């Protein structure tokens, strides 16, 4: 296998669910088992909607909902199991680790963490970052950046 160009960050300007689905499909094509994805954005920016689209793009039939009050949802049935976490109610990375949530980073799941910036001190730097920014009443920018040094492998 040959290493090719580093995957560049991409920006999607979306004004519909189809635009969000397109961004999620792009990311799904680049994710491997064990991938970690940080989701950032203001309240209501679309983090859970993006997660729903990403789960579908990974082939999961799951009905994705926000894990704000449960902290973790697990979804199977796609090409890779998905762990969907929400750190909004956590005070620190230490609280996240004390709750035993770090164990979810082990294995072959794709782990998605909303509000990951709140516990960044406890998380590895090797992650995909998805930032959702409102740009209007029905539009947003979805910025996706790969882990440092991420390279695609030629099949």
N, C-alpha and C. Protein backbone atom coordinates (compact mmCIF):
# COMPACT_ATOMS: atom_id res chain seq x y z
N UNK A 1 0.84 -1.18 0.00
CA UNK A 1 0.00 0.00 0.00
C UNK A 1 0.88 1.23 0.00
N UNK A 2 0.46 2.22 -0.72
CA UNK A 2 1.21 3.47 -0.80
C UNK A 2 0.50 4.57 -0.04
N UNK A 3 1.29 5.40 0.63
CA UNK A 3 0.73 6.59 1.26
C UNK A 3 0.60 7.67 0.21
N UNK A 4 -0.50 8.39 0.25
CA UNK A 4 -0.71 9.48 -0.69
C UNK A 4 -0.86 10.78 0.08
N UNK A 5 -1.38 11.78 -0.56
CA UNK A 5 -1.48 13.12 0.03
C UNK A 5 -2.20 13.12 1.37
N UNK A 6 -1.81 14.07 2.20
CA UNK A 6 -2.50 14.30 3.46
C UNK A 6 -3.92 14.78 3.14
N UNK A 7 -4.89 14.26 3.87
CA UNK A 7 -6.28 14.70 3.68
C UNK A 7 -6.38 16.13 4.19
N UNK A 8 -6.85 17.02 3.34
CA UNK A 8 -7.00 18.42 3.74
C UNK A 8 -8.32 18.65 4.47
N UNK A 9 -8.35 19.70 5.25
CA UNK A 9 -9.60 20.12 5.86
C UNK A 9 -10.55 20.57 4.76
N UNK A 10 -11.83 20.38 5.00
CA UNK A 10 -12.84 20.79 4.02
C UNK A 10 -13.91 21.61 4.71
N UNK A 11 -14.54 22.48 3.93
CA UNK A 11 -15.65 23.29 4.40
C UNK A 11 -16.87 23.03 3.53
N UNK A 12 -17.99 22.87 4.17
CA UNK A 12 -19.27 22.72 3.49
C UNK A 12 -20.16 23.86 3.92
N UNK A 13 -20.74 24.58 2.97
CA UNK A 13 -21.76 25.59 3.26
C UNK A 13 -23.09 24.91 2.98
N UNK A 14 -23.89 24.75 4.03
CA UNK A 14 -25.13 23.99 3.87
C UNK A 14 -26.33 24.84 4.26
N UNK A 15 -27.42 24.59 3.55
CA UNK A 15 -28.67 25.28 3.87
C UNK A 15 -29.84 24.30 3.86
N UNK A 16 -29.50 23.01 3.95
CA UNK A 16 -30.54 21.98 3.95
C UNK A 16 -29.99 20.72 4.60
N UNK A 17 -30.90 19.81 4.90
CA UNK A 17 -30.49 18.53 5.46
C UNK A 17 -29.64 17.77 4.44
N UNK A 18 -29.93 17.90 3.17
CA UNK A 18 -29.13 17.22 2.14
C UNK A 18 -27.68 17.71 2.18
N UNK A 19 -27.47 18.99 2.42
CA UNK A 19 -26.11 19.51 2.54
C UNK A 19 -25.37 18.91 3.73
N UNK A 20 -26.08 18.76 4.84
CA UNK A 20 -25.50 18.12 6.02
C UNK A 20 -25.19 16.66 5.72
N UNK A 21 -26.10 15.99 5.03
CA UNK A 21 -25.88 14.60 4.65
C UNK A 21 -24.65 14.46 3.76
N UNK A 22 -24.45 15.39 2.85
CA UNK A 22 -23.29 15.35 1.95
C UNK A 22 -21.99 15.47 2.76
N UNK A 23 -21.95 16.40 3.71
CA UNK A 23 -20.76 16.56 4.55
C UNK A 23 -20.51 15.30 5.37
N UNK A 24 -21.57 14.71 5.90
CA UNK A 24 -21.44 13.49 6.70
C UNK A 24 -20.95 12.32 5.84
N UNK A 25 -21.45 12.22 4.61
CA UNK A 25 -20.98 11.15 3.72
C UNK A 25 -19.49 11.31 3.42
N UNK A 26 -19.04 12.57 3.23
CA UNK A 26 -17.62 12.80 2.97
C UNK A 26 -16.80 12.28 4.16
N UNK A 27 -17.21 12.63 5.36
CA UNK A 27 -16.47 12.18 6.54
C UNK A 27 -16.53 10.67 6.68
N UNK A 28 -17.69 10.07 6.48
CA UNK A 28 -17.85 8.62 6.61
C UNK A 28 -16.89 7.87 5.69
N UNK A 29 -16.64 8.41 4.52
CA UNK A 29 -15.72 7.77 3.57
C UNK A 29 -14.29 7.76 4.10
N UNK A 30 -13.97 8.65 5.01
CA UNK A 30 -12.60 8.77 5.52
C UNK A 30 -12.40 8.15 6.90
N UNK A 31 -13.47 7.76 7.56
CA UNK A 31 -13.35 7.21 8.92
C UNK A 31 -13.00 5.74 8.89
N UNK A 32 -12.18 5.36 9.83
CA UNK A 32 -11.79 3.97 10.02
C UNK A 32 -12.22 3.54 11.43
N UNK A 33 -12.37 2.24 11.67
CA UNK A 33 -12.66 1.79 13.04
C UNK A 33 -11.61 2.35 14.00
N UNK A 34 -12.07 2.80 15.15
CA UNK A 34 -11.18 3.41 16.14
C UNK A 34 -11.08 4.91 16.01
N UNK A 35 -11.74 5.49 15.01
CA UNK A 35 -11.67 6.95 14.80
C UNK A 35 -12.38 7.69 15.93
N UNK A 36 -11.84 8.85 16.25
CA UNK A 36 -12.41 9.75 17.24
C UNK A 36 -12.79 11.04 16.54
N UNK A 37 -14.03 11.51 16.77
CA UNK A 37 -14.53 12.71 16.11
C UNK A 37 -15.03 13.68 17.17
N UNK A 38 -14.45 14.89 17.20
CA UNK A 38 -14.92 15.95 18.10
C UNK A 38 -15.93 16.78 17.33
N UNK A 39 -17.08 17.04 17.94
CA UNK A 39 -18.12 17.88 17.35
C UNK A 39 -18.27 19.14 18.18
N UNK A 40 -18.06 20.29 17.55
CA UNK A 40 -18.13 21.56 18.26
C UNK A 40 -19.11 22.49 17.56
N UNK A 41 -19.71 23.35 18.34
CA UNK A 41 -20.63 24.36 17.82
C UNK A 41 -21.55 24.82 18.92
N UNK A 42 -22.14 25.97 18.72
CA UNK A 42 -23.07 26.51 19.71
C UNK A 42 -24.27 25.60 19.89
N UNK A 43 -25.03 25.83 20.95
CA UNK A 43 -26.29 25.11 21.14
C UNK A 43 -27.16 25.31 19.91
N UNK A 44 -27.70 24.23 19.40
CA UNK A 44 -28.58 24.31 18.24
C UNK A 44 -27.87 24.42 16.90
N UNK A 45 -26.55 24.29 16.89
CA UNK A 45 -25.79 24.42 15.63
C UNK A 45 -25.96 23.20 14.73
N UNK A 46 -26.39 22.07 15.29
CA UNK A 46 -26.62 20.90 14.45
C UNK A 46 -25.70 19.73 14.71
N UNK A 47 -25.10 19.66 15.89
CA UNK A 47 -24.17 18.57 16.20
C UNK A 47 -24.88 17.21 16.17
N UNK A 48 -26.04 17.12 16.79
CA UNK A 48 -26.76 15.85 16.80
C UNK A 48 -27.32 15.55 15.42
N UNK A 49 -27.76 16.55 14.70
CA UNK A 49 -28.23 16.34 13.33
C UNK A 49 -27.10 15.81 12.46
N UNK A 50 -25.90 16.37 12.63
CA UNK A 50 -24.75 15.87 11.88
C UNK A 50 -24.45 14.43 12.27
N UNK A 51 -24.51 14.13 13.56
CA UNK A 51 -24.27 12.76 14.03
C UNK A 51 -25.29 11.80 13.43
N UNK A 52 -26.55 12.21 13.36
CA UNK A 52 -27.59 11.39 12.75
C UNK A 52 -27.24 11.09 11.29
N UNK A 53 -26.80 12.12 10.57
CA UNK A 53 -26.43 11.96 9.16
C UNK A 53 -25.19 11.07 9.02
N UNK A 54 -24.23 11.22 9.92
CA UNK A 54 -23.02 10.41 9.88
C UNK A 54 -23.34 8.94 10.17
N UNK A 55 -24.19 8.69 11.16
CA UNK A 55 -24.58 7.31 11.47
C UNK A 55 -25.24 6.67 10.24
N UNK A 56 -26.11 7.40 9.58
CA UNK A 56 -26.75 6.87 8.37
C UNK A 56 -25.71 6.61 7.28
N UNK A 57 -24.76 7.52 7.13
CA UNK A 57 -23.71 7.36 6.12
C UNK A 57 -22.82 6.16 6.42
N UNK A 58 -22.71 5.79 7.70
CA UNK A 58 -21.94 4.61 8.10
C UNK A 58 -22.80 3.34 8.05
N UNK A 59 -24.05 3.48 7.59
CA UNK A 59 -24.93 2.34 7.41
C UNK A 59 -25.74 1.93 8.61
N UNK A 60 -25.75 2.75 9.65
CA UNK A 60 -26.51 2.40 10.85
C UNK A 60 -27.98 2.77 10.67
N UNK A 61 -28.89 1.85 11.03
CA UNK A 61 -30.32 2.16 10.97
C UNK A 61 -30.82 2.83 12.26
N UNK A 62 -29.91 3.16 13.17
CA UNK A 62 -30.27 3.68 14.49
C UNK A 62 -31.03 5.00 14.41
N UNK A 63 -31.90 5.19 15.37
CA UNK A 63 -32.59 6.45 15.56
C UNK A 63 -31.74 7.28 16.52
N UNK A 64 -30.88 8.11 15.98
CA UNK A 64 -29.92 8.88 16.77
C UNK A 64 -30.62 10.02 17.50
N UNK A 65 -30.32 10.14 18.79
CA UNK A 65 -30.84 11.25 19.58
C UNK A 65 -29.70 11.81 20.43
N UNK A 66 -29.93 12.97 20.99
CA UNK A 66 -28.89 13.62 21.79
C UNK A 66 -28.63 12.85 23.08
N UNK A 67 -27.36 12.61 23.40
CA UNK A 67 -27.04 11.93 24.66
C UNK A 67 -26.77 12.91 25.81
N UNK A 68 -27.31 14.12 25.74
CA UNK A 68 -27.02 15.14 26.75
C UNK A 68 -27.29 14.66 28.16
N UNK A 69 -28.39 13.97 28.39
CA UNK A 69 -28.75 13.58 29.75
C UNK A 69 -28.26 12.18 30.12
N UNK A 70 -27.93 11.36 29.13
CA UNK A 70 -27.45 10.01 29.41
C UNK A 70 -25.94 9.91 29.23
N UNK A 71 -25.32 10.90 28.65
CA UNK A 71 -23.90 10.99 28.35
C UNK A 71 -23.45 10.13 27.18
N UNK A 72 -23.99 8.90 27.04
CA UNK A 72 -23.52 7.99 25.99
C UNK A 72 -24.69 7.25 25.35
N UNK A 73 -24.67 7.17 24.02
CA UNK A 73 -25.54 6.28 23.26
C UNK A 73 -24.66 5.40 22.40
N UNK A 74 -25.04 4.15 22.26
CA UNK A 74 -24.31 3.21 21.41
C UNK A 74 -25.21 2.77 20.27
N UNK A 75 -24.66 2.76 19.06
CA UNK A 75 -25.42 2.38 17.87
C UNK A 75 -24.67 1.31 17.10
N UNK A 76 -25.36 0.23 16.80
CA UNK A 76 -24.81 -0.86 16.00
C UNK A 76 -25.56 -0.94 14.68
N UNK A 77 -25.16 -1.89 13.87
CA UNK A 77 -25.90 -2.16 12.64
C UNK A 77 -25.29 -1.56 11.39
N UNK A 78 -24.26 -0.76 11.52
CA UNK A 78 -23.60 -0.20 10.36
C UNK A 78 -22.28 -0.90 10.09
N UNK A 79 -21.44 -0.28 9.27
CA UNK A 79 -20.15 -0.91 8.96
C UNK A 79 -19.20 -0.87 10.14
N UNK A 80 -19.49 -0.04 11.15
CA UNK A 80 -18.69 0.04 12.36
C UNK A 80 -19.60 0.50 13.50
N UNK A 81 -19.45 -0.05 14.71
CA UNK A 81 -20.26 0.43 15.85
C UNK A 81 -19.94 1.90 16.13
N UNK A 82 -20.94 2.62 16.58
CA UNK A 82 -20.80 4.05 16.86
C UNK A 82 -21.08 4.30 18.34
N UNK A 83 -20.18 5.07 18.96
CA UNK A 83 -20.39 5.55 20.33
C UNK A 83 -20.60 7.06 20.21
N UNK A 84 -21.72 7.55 20.70
CA UNK A 84 -22.08 8.97 20.61
C UNK A 84 -22.14 9.52 22.03
N UNK A 85 -21.25 10.45 22.34
CA UNK A 85 -21.15 11.00 23.69
C UNK A 85 -21.44 12.49 23.68
N UNK A 86 -21.80 13.00 24.83
CA UNK A 86 -22.03 14.42 24.99
C UNK A 86 -21.36 14.87 26.29
N UNK A 87 -20.40 15.77 26.18
CA UNK A 87 -19.64 16.23 27.35
C UNK A 87 -20.19 17.52 27.95
N UNK A 88 -21.33 18.00 27.46
CA UNK A 88 -21.86 19.29 27.88
C UNK A 88 -22.06 19.39 29.39
N UNK A 89 -22.47 18.34 30.03
CA UNK A 89 -22.76 18.37 31.46
C UNK A 89 -21.57 17.99 32.34
N UNK A 90 -20.43 17.76 31.71
CA UNK A 90 -19.23 17.40 32.49
C UNK A 90 -18.42 18.64 32.83
N UNK A 91 -17.86 18.66 34.00
CA UNK A 91 -17.11 19.83 34.46
C UNK A 91 -15.67 19.83 33.97
N UNK A 92 -15.13 18.62 33.69
CA UNK A 92 -13.71 18.55 33.32
C UNK A 92 -13.39 17.19 32.73
N UNK A 93 -12.18 17.11 32.18
CA UNK A 93 -11.69 15.83 31.70
C UNK A 93 -11.54 14.83 32.82
N UNK A 94 -11.20 15.31 34.02
CA UNK A 94 -11.06 14.42 35.18
C UNK A 94 -12.41 13.78 35.51
N UNK A 95 -13.49 14.54 35.41
CA UNK A 95 -14.82 13.99 35.68
C UNK A 95 -15.18 12.94 34.63
N UNK A 96 -14.80 13.21 33.38
CA UNK A 96 -15.03 12.27 32.28
C UNK A 96 -14.29 10.96 32.55
N UNK A 97 -13.03 11.06 32.95
CA UNK A 97 -12.24 9.87 33.24
C UNK A 97 -12.79 9.12 34.46
N UNK A 98 -13.19 9.86 35.50
CA UNK A 98 -13.73 9.24 36.71
C UNK A 98 -15.01 8.47 36.43
N UNK A 99 -15.77 8.92 35.44
CA UNK A 99 -17.02 8.24 35.07
C UNK A 99 -16.74 6.98 34.24
N UNK A 100 -15.48 6.72 33.92
CA UNK A 100 -15.13 5.54 33.15
C UNK A 100 -15.37 5.66 31.66
N UNK A 101 -15.59 6.87 31.19
CA UNK A 101 -15.92 7.07 29.78
C UNK A 101 -14.73 6.91 28.85
N UNK A 102 -13.52 7.02 29.39
CA UNK A 102 -12.33 6.87 28.56
C UNK A 102 -12.24 5.47 27.96
N UNK A 103 -12.86 4.49 28.61
CA UNK A 103 -12.84 3.12 28.09
C UNK A 103 -13.49 3.02 26.71
N UNK A 104 -14.38 3.93 26.40
CA UNK A 104 -15.04 3.90 25.10
C UNK A 104 -14.07 4.22 23.96
N UNK A 105 -12.93 4.81 24.27
CA UNK A 105 -11.95 5.14 23.24
C UNK A 105 -11.15 3.92 22.80
N UNK A 106 -11.26 2.84 23.55
CA UNK A 106 -10.56 1.61 23.21
C UNK A 106 -11.48 0.79 22.32
N UNK A 107 -10.93 0.16 21.33
CA UNK A 107 -11.73 -0.71 20.48
C UNK A 107 -11.84 -0.20 19.07
N UNK A 108 -12.79 -0.78 18.37
CA UNK A 108 -12.94 -0.52 16.94
C UNK A 108 -14.21 0.26 16.62
N UNK A 109 -14.66 1.05 17.54
CA UNK A 109 -15.83 1.90 17.33
C UNK A 109 -15.41 3.20 16.66
N UNK A 110 -16.37 3.89 16.10
CA UNK A 110 -16.19 5.30 15.79
C UNK A 110 -16.81 6.04 16.97
N UNK A 111 -16.03 6.90 17.61
CA UNK A 111 -16.49 7.62 18.79
C UNK A 111 -16.70 9.08 18.43
N UNK A 112 -17.92 9.56 18.64
CA UNK A 112 -18.29 10.95 18.37
C UNK A 112 -18.55 11.62 19.70
N UNK A 113 -17.89 12.76 19.94
CA UNK A 113 -18.07 13.46 21.22
C UNK A 113 -18.52 14.90 20.95
N UNK A 114 -19.76 15.20 21.33
CA UNK A 114 -20.24 16.57 21.27
C UNK A 114 -19.67 17.33 22.46
N UNK A 115 -19.32 18.58 22.26
CA UNK A 115 -18.75 19.44 23.29
C UNK A 115 -17.41 18.90 23.81
N UNK A 116 -16.65 18.26 22.94
CA UNK A 116 -15.37 17.66 23.33
C UNK A 116 -14.39 18.70 23.86
N UNK A 117 -14.52 19.94 23.44
CA UNK A 117 -13.60 20.97 23.91
C UNK A 117 -13.66 21.15 25.43
N UNK A 118 -14.77 20.74 26.06
CA UNK A 118 -14.91 20.88 27.51
C UNK A 118 -14.06 19.87 28.27
N UNK A 119 -13.67 18.79 27.61
CA UNK A 119 -12.86 17.75 28.26
C UNK A 119 -11.59 17.46 27.45
N UNK A 120 -11.19 18.42 26.63
CA UNK A 120 -10.05 18.22 25.72
C UNK A 120 -8.78 17.79 26.45
N UNK A 121 -8.61 18.23 27.70
CA UNK A 121 -7.40 17.87 28.44
C UNK A 121 -7.28 16.37 28.69
N UNK A 122 -8.38 15.64 28.56
CA UNK A 122 -8.37 14.20 28.80
C UNK A 122 -8.44 13.38 27.52
N UNK A 123 -8.46 14.05 26.38
CA UNK A 123 -8.65 13.35 25.11
C UNK A 123 -7.38 13.39 24.26
N UNK A 124 -7.21 12.38 23.42
CA UNK A 124 -6.04 12.38 22.53
C UNK A 124 -6.17 13.45 21.44
N UNK A 125 -5.02 13.91 20.95
CA UNK A 125 -5.03 14.91 19.88
C UNK A 125 -5.37 14.30 18.53
N UNK A 126 -5.18 13.00 18.39
CA UNK A 126 -5.45 12.32 17.12
C UNK A 126 -6.95 12.15 16.96
N UNK A 127 -7.59 13.17 16.40
CA UNK A 127 -9.03 13.12 16.21
C UNK A 127 -9.42 13.93 14.98
N UNK A 128 -10.56 13.60 14.46
CA UNK A 128 -11.20 14.43 13.45
C UNK A 128 -11.93 15.53 14.20
N UNK A 129 -11.99 16.71 13.64
CA UNK A 129 -12.71 17.83 14.26
C UNK A 129 -13.77 18.35 13.30
N UNK A 130 -15.00 18.39 13.79
CA UNK A 130 -16.11 18.91 13.01
C UNK A 130 -16.65 20.11 13.77
N UNK A 131 -16.60 21.27 13.13
CA UNK A 131 -17.10 22.50 13.75
C UNK A 131 -18.28 23.00 12.93
N UNK A 132 -19.41 23.18 13.60
CA UNK A 132 -20.61 23.68 12.95
C UNK A 132 -20.86 25.11 13.41
N UNK A 133 -21.01 26.00 12.43
CA UNK A 133 -21.19 27.42 12.73
C UNK A 133 -22.42 27.92 11.99
N UNK A 134 -23.36 28.52 12.73
CA UNK A 134 -24.52 29.14 12.09
C UNK A 134 -24.07 30.30 11.24
N UNK A 135 -24.58 30.37 10.02
CA UNK A 135 -24.27 31.49 9.12
C UNK A 135 -25.54 32.22 8.70
N UNK A 136 -26.67 31.77 9.17
CA UNK A 136 -27.95 32.40 8.86
C UNK A 136 -29.06 31.59 9.48
N UNK A 137 -30.31 32.00 9.31
CA UNK A 137 -31.42 31.30 9.95
C UNK A 137 -31.53 29.82 9.55
N UNK A 138 -31.20 29.49 8.33
CA UNK A 138 -31.30 28.12 7.85
C UNK A 138 -29.99 27.60 7.28
N UNK A 139 -28.89 28.29 7.53
CA UNK A 139 -27.63 27.87 6.92
C UNK A 139 -26.53 27.77 7.97
N UNK A 140 -25.53 26.96 7.63
CA UNK A 140 -24.39 26.80 8.52
C UNK A 140 -23.17 26.39 7.70
N UNK A 141 -22.04 26.56 8.33
CA UNK A 141 -20.77 26.11 7.77
C UNK A 141 -20.35 24.89 8.57
N UNK A 142 -19.96 23.84 7.87
CA UNK A 142 -19.45 22.65 8.52
C UNK A 142 -17.99 22.52 8.11
N UNK A 143 -17.10 22.69 9.07
CA UNK A 143 -15.66 22.60 8.83
C UNK A 143 -15.18 21.27 9.38
N UNK A 144 -14.56 20.46 8.54
CA UNK A 144 -14.06 19.15 8.95
C UNK A 144 -12.55 19.12 8.74
N UNK A 145 -11.83 18.86 9.83
CA UNK A 145 -10.37 18.76 9.71
C UNK A 145 -9.92 17.39 10.23
N UNK A 146 -8.95 16.80 9.54
CA UNK A 146 -8.48 15.46 9.90
C UNK A 146 -7.52 15.50 11.08
N UNK A 147 -7.24 14.32 11.62
CA UNK A 147 -6.21 14.25 12.67
C UNK A 147 -4.87 14.70 12.10
N UNK A 148 -4.00 15.22 12.95
CA UNK A 148 -2.67 15.62 12.47
C UNK A 148 -1.97 14.44 11.79
N UNK A 149 -1.47 14.68 10.58
CA UNK A 149 -0.72 13.66 9.87
C UNK A 149 -1.56 12.58 9.23
N UNK A 150 -2.89 12.73 9.21
CA UNK A 150 -3.76 11.72 8.62
C UNK A 150 -3.43 11.56 7.15
N UNK A 151 -3.25 10.34 6.72
CA UNK A 151 -2.95 10.07 5.33
C UNK A 151 -3.92 8.99 4.81
N UNK A 152 -4.32 9.16 3.57
CA UNK A 152 -5.14 8.15 2.93
C UNK A 152 -4.24 7.05 2.40
N UNK A 153 -4.73 5.84 2.44
CA UNK A 153 -3.97 4.72 1.91
C UNK A 153 -4.60 4.28 0.61
N UNK A 154 -3.77 4.14 -0.42
CA UNK A 154 -4.24 3.70 -1.73
C UNK A 154 -4.61 2.23 -1.64
N UNK A 155 -5.82 1.83 -2.07
CA UNK A 155 -6.24 0.43 -1.93
C UNK A 155 -5.41 -0.53 -2.76
